[in-house]
Structure formats: structure tokens, C-alpha cells
Amino acid sequence: LETMQWLASLTALFKEEPKAYLQSLNDMLLRIGNIEKSEVETLIVERKQARQNKDFAASDRIRDRLTELGIEVQDLPDGSTHWEVIR
């Protein structure tokens, strides 16, 4: 464990919280892919509204559009939606 911690300190591993690191990676991939975060968030809201209205055809079309943009969508048990750039 000490060796691992020493090596990690040399390479700056584990210096950032995992959630913050994953968010910065996601933001970087959005920039590289020329994907507008605001467009993704708008589509996510529209998809959620379509699902609430039981318009599953519209929901599926929006999911397909997000996939075309390179976005993976996960619907969580609590009703929220998680999305990230496909790596």
C-alpha cells in the first residue's frame, strides 16, 4: 500500500476526487467532440417530459439523437437520468 501511495504521489494519481475527475473528463470529451452541453441538457429535459407523458416514441427518438451526439443515457431507479460522453 505504501509503495502504491508513493507511486501515486509521483504521478499525481488520486489527488482529485473521483466524481470531480469524471466530470472534468466528461467536459473535456464534450469539447473534443464539439458537443454543446446545453443542447444535451435540453434534450435530457425533453426526453424526461416525453417519458412522463408516456410518449415513448418521442423518448426513443430523443435517446437516438443523444446517441448520435455521442451521449450515453442511463435512467436511474430514483427517476433521475445520468448521462455521459461515450468513451
C-alpha atoms as a PDB file:
ATOM      1  CA  LEU A   1       0.000   0.000   0.000  1.00  0.00           C
ATOM      2  CA  GLU A   2       2.815   2.400   0.845  1.00  0.00           C
ATOM      3  CA  THR A   3       4.518   1.693  -2.473  1.00  0.00           C
ATOM      4  CA  MET A   4       1.260   2.316  -4.303  1.00  0.00           C
ATOM      5  CA  GLN A   5       0.731   5.596  -2.462  1.00  0.00           C
ATOM      6  CA  TRP A   6       4.305   6.657  -3.193  1.00  0.00           C
ATOM      7  CA  LEU A   7       3.926   5.877  -6.908  1.00  0.00           C
ATOM      8  CA  ALA A   8       0.581   7.654  -6.983  1.00  0.00           C
ATOM      9  CA  SER A   9       2.142  10.753  -5.420  1.00  0.00           C
ATOM     10  CA  LEU A  10       4.776  10.811  -8.167  1.00  0.00           C
ATOM     11  CA  THR A  11       2.170  10.694 -10.911  1.00  0.00           C
ATOM     12  CA  ALA A  12      -0.454  12.870  -9.187  1.00  0.00           C
ATOM     13  CA  LEU A  13      -2.901   9.987  -9.099  1.00  0.00           C
ATOM     14  CA  PHE A  14      -5.668  10.096  -6.512  1.00  0.00           C
ATOM     15  CA  LYS A  15      -5.221  13.835  -5.930  1.00  0.00           C
ATOM     16  CA  GLU A  16      -8.665  14.650  -7.288  1.00  0.00           C
ATOM     17  CA  GLU A  17     -11.990  13.347  -6.068  1.00  0.00           C
ATOM     18  CA  PRO A  18     -13.283  10.660  -8.453  1.00  0.00           C
ATOM     19  CA  LYS A  19     -16.561  12.482  -9.151  1.00  0.00           C
ATOM     20  CA  ALA A  20     -14.732  15.734  -9.951  1.00  0.00           C
ATOM     21  CA  TYR A  21     -12.248  13.881 -12.156  1.00  0.00           C
ATOM     22  CA  LEU A  22     -15.027  12.134 -14.107  1.00  0.00           C
ATOM     23  CA  GLN A  23     -16.859  15.448 -14.575  1.00  0.00           C
ATOM     24  CA  SER A  24     -13.715  17.146 -15.894  1.00  0.00           C
ATOM     25  CA  LEU A  25     -13.132  14.185 -18.225  1.00  0.00           C
ATOM     26  CA  ASN A  26     -16.722  14.449 -19.451  1.00  0.00           C
ATOM     27  CA  ASP A  27     -16.310  18.197 -20.056  1.00  0.00           C
ATOM     28  CA  MET A  28     -13.087  17.584 -21.965  1.00  0.00           C
ATOM     29  CA  LEU A  29     -14.772  14.942 -24.148  1.00  0.00           C
ATOM     30  CA  LEU A  30     -17.634  17.357 -24.849  1.00  0.00           C
ATOM     31  CA  ARG A  31     -15.132  19.962 -26.059  1.00  0.00           C
ATOM     32  CA  ILE A  32     -13.215  17.443 -28.179  1.00  0.00           C
ATOM     33  CA  GLY A  33     -16.430  16.151 -29.735  1.00  0.00           C
ATOM     34  CA  ASN A  34     -17.793  19.667 -30.346  1.00  0.00           C
ATOM     35  CA  ILE A  35     -20.879  18.749 -28.325  1.00  0.00           C
ATOM     36  CA  GLU A  36     -22.812  21.565 -26.703  1.00  0.00           C
ATOM     37  CA  LYS A  37     -23.593  20.714 -23.094  1.00  0.00           C
ATOM     38  CA  SER A  38     -26.662  22.960 -23.172  1.00  0.00           C
ATOM     39  CA  GLU A  39     -28.065  21.001 -26.142  1.00  0.00           C
ATOM     40  CA  VAL A  40     -27.564  17.726 -24.290  1.00  0.00           C
ATOM     41  CA  GLU A  41     -29.235  19.056 -21.161  1.00  0.00           C
ATOM     42  CA  THR A  42     -32.175  20.391 -23.198  1.00  0.00           C
ATOM     43  CA  LEU A  43     -32.623  17.007 -24.878  1.00  0.00           C
ATOM     44  CA  ILE A  44     -32.470  15.260 -21.495  1.00  0.00           C
ATOM     45  CA  VAL A  45     -35.260  17.517 -20.162  1.00  0.00           C
ATOM     46  CA  GLU A  46     -37.359  16.966 -23.311  1.00  0.00           C
ATOM     47  CA  ARG A  47     -36.873  13.193 -23.027  1.00  0.00           C
ATOM     48  CA  LYS A  48     -37.892  13.208 -19.372  1.00  0.00           C
ATOM     49  CA  GLN A  49     -41.035  15.163 -20.241  1.00  0.00           C
ATOM     50  CA  ALA A  50     -41.845  12.723 -23.076  1.00  0.00           C
ATOM     51  CA  ARG A  51     -41.448   9.777 -20.690  1.00  0.00           C
ATOM     52  CA  GLN A  52     -43.700  11.440 -18.104  1.00  0.00           C
ATOM     53  CA  ASN A  53     -46.307  11.923 -20.861  1.00  0.00           C
ATOM     54  CA  LYS A  54     -45.862   8.269 -21.835  1.00  0.00           C
ATOM     55  CA  ASP A  55     -44.777   9.358 -25.326  1.00  0.00           C
ATOM     56  CA  PHE A  56     -42.235   6.585 -25.612  1.00  0.00           C
ATOM     57  CA  ALA A  57     -41.765   7.044 -29.368  1.00  0.00           C
ATOM     58  CA  ALA A  58     -40.595  10.628 -28.778  1.00  0.00           C
ATOM     59  CA  SER A  59     -38.478   9.486 -25.847  1.00  0.00           C
ATOM     60  CA  ASP A  60     -36.800   6.876 -28.054  1.00  0.00           C
ATOM     61  CA  ARG A  61     -36.170   9.433 -30.833  1.00  0.00           C
ATOM     62  CA  ILE A  62     -34.520  11.783 -28.340  1.00  0.00           C
ATOM     63  CA  ARG A  63     -32.395   8.944 -26.944  1.00  0.00           C
ATOM     64  CA  ASP A  64     -31.346   8.081 -30.514  1.00  0.00           C
ATOM     65  CA  ARG A  65     -30.392  11.734 -31.115  1.00  0.00           C
ATOM     66  CA  LEU A  66     -28.314  11.744 -27.933  1.00  0.00           C
ATOM     67  CA  THR A  67     -26.583   8.548 -29.062  1.00  0.00           C
ATOM     68  CA  GLU A  68     -25.818  10.194 -32.421  1.00  0.00           C
ATOM     69  CA  LEU A  69     -24.202  13.042 -30.488  1.00  0.00           C
ATOM     70  CA  GLY A  70     -22.096  10.510 -28.591  1.00  0.00           C
ATOM     71  CA  ILE A  71     -24.040  10.652 -25.340  1.00  0.00           C
ATOM     72  CA  GLU A  72     -24.945   7.610 -23.236  1.00  0.00           C
ATOM     73  CA  VAL A  73     -28.104   7.922 -21.149  1.00  0.00           C
ATOM     74  CA  GLN A  74     -28.889   5.921 -18.024  1.00  0.00           C
ATOM     75  CA  ASP A  75     -32.251   6.088 -16.267  1.00  0.00           C
ATOM     76  CA  LEU A  76     -31.764   5.547 -12.550  1.00  0.00           C
ATOM     77  CA  PRO A  77     -34.211   3.854 -10.153  1.00  0.00           C
ATOM     78  CA  ASP A  78     -34.865   7.143  -8.332  1.00  0.00           C
ATOM     79  CA  GLY A  79     -36.283   8.646 -11.552  1.00  0.00           C
ATOM     80  CA  SER A  80     -33.261  10.765 -12.362  1.00  0.00           C
ATOM     81  CA  THR A  81     -31.216  10.465 -15.540  1.00  0.00           C
ATOM     82  CA  HIS A  82     -27.447  10.213 -15.700  1.00  0.00           C
ATOM     83  CA  TRP A  83     -25.621  10.984 -18.934  1.00  0.00           C
ATOM     84  CA  GLU A  84     -22.028  10.965 -20.062  1.00  0.00           C
ATOM     85  CA  VAL A  85     -19.999  11.129 -23.225  1.00  0.00           C
ATOM     86  CA  ILE A  86     -19.428   7.711 -24.739  1.00  0.00           C
ATOM     87  CA  ARG A  87     -15.747   6.890 -24.326  1.00  0.00           C
END
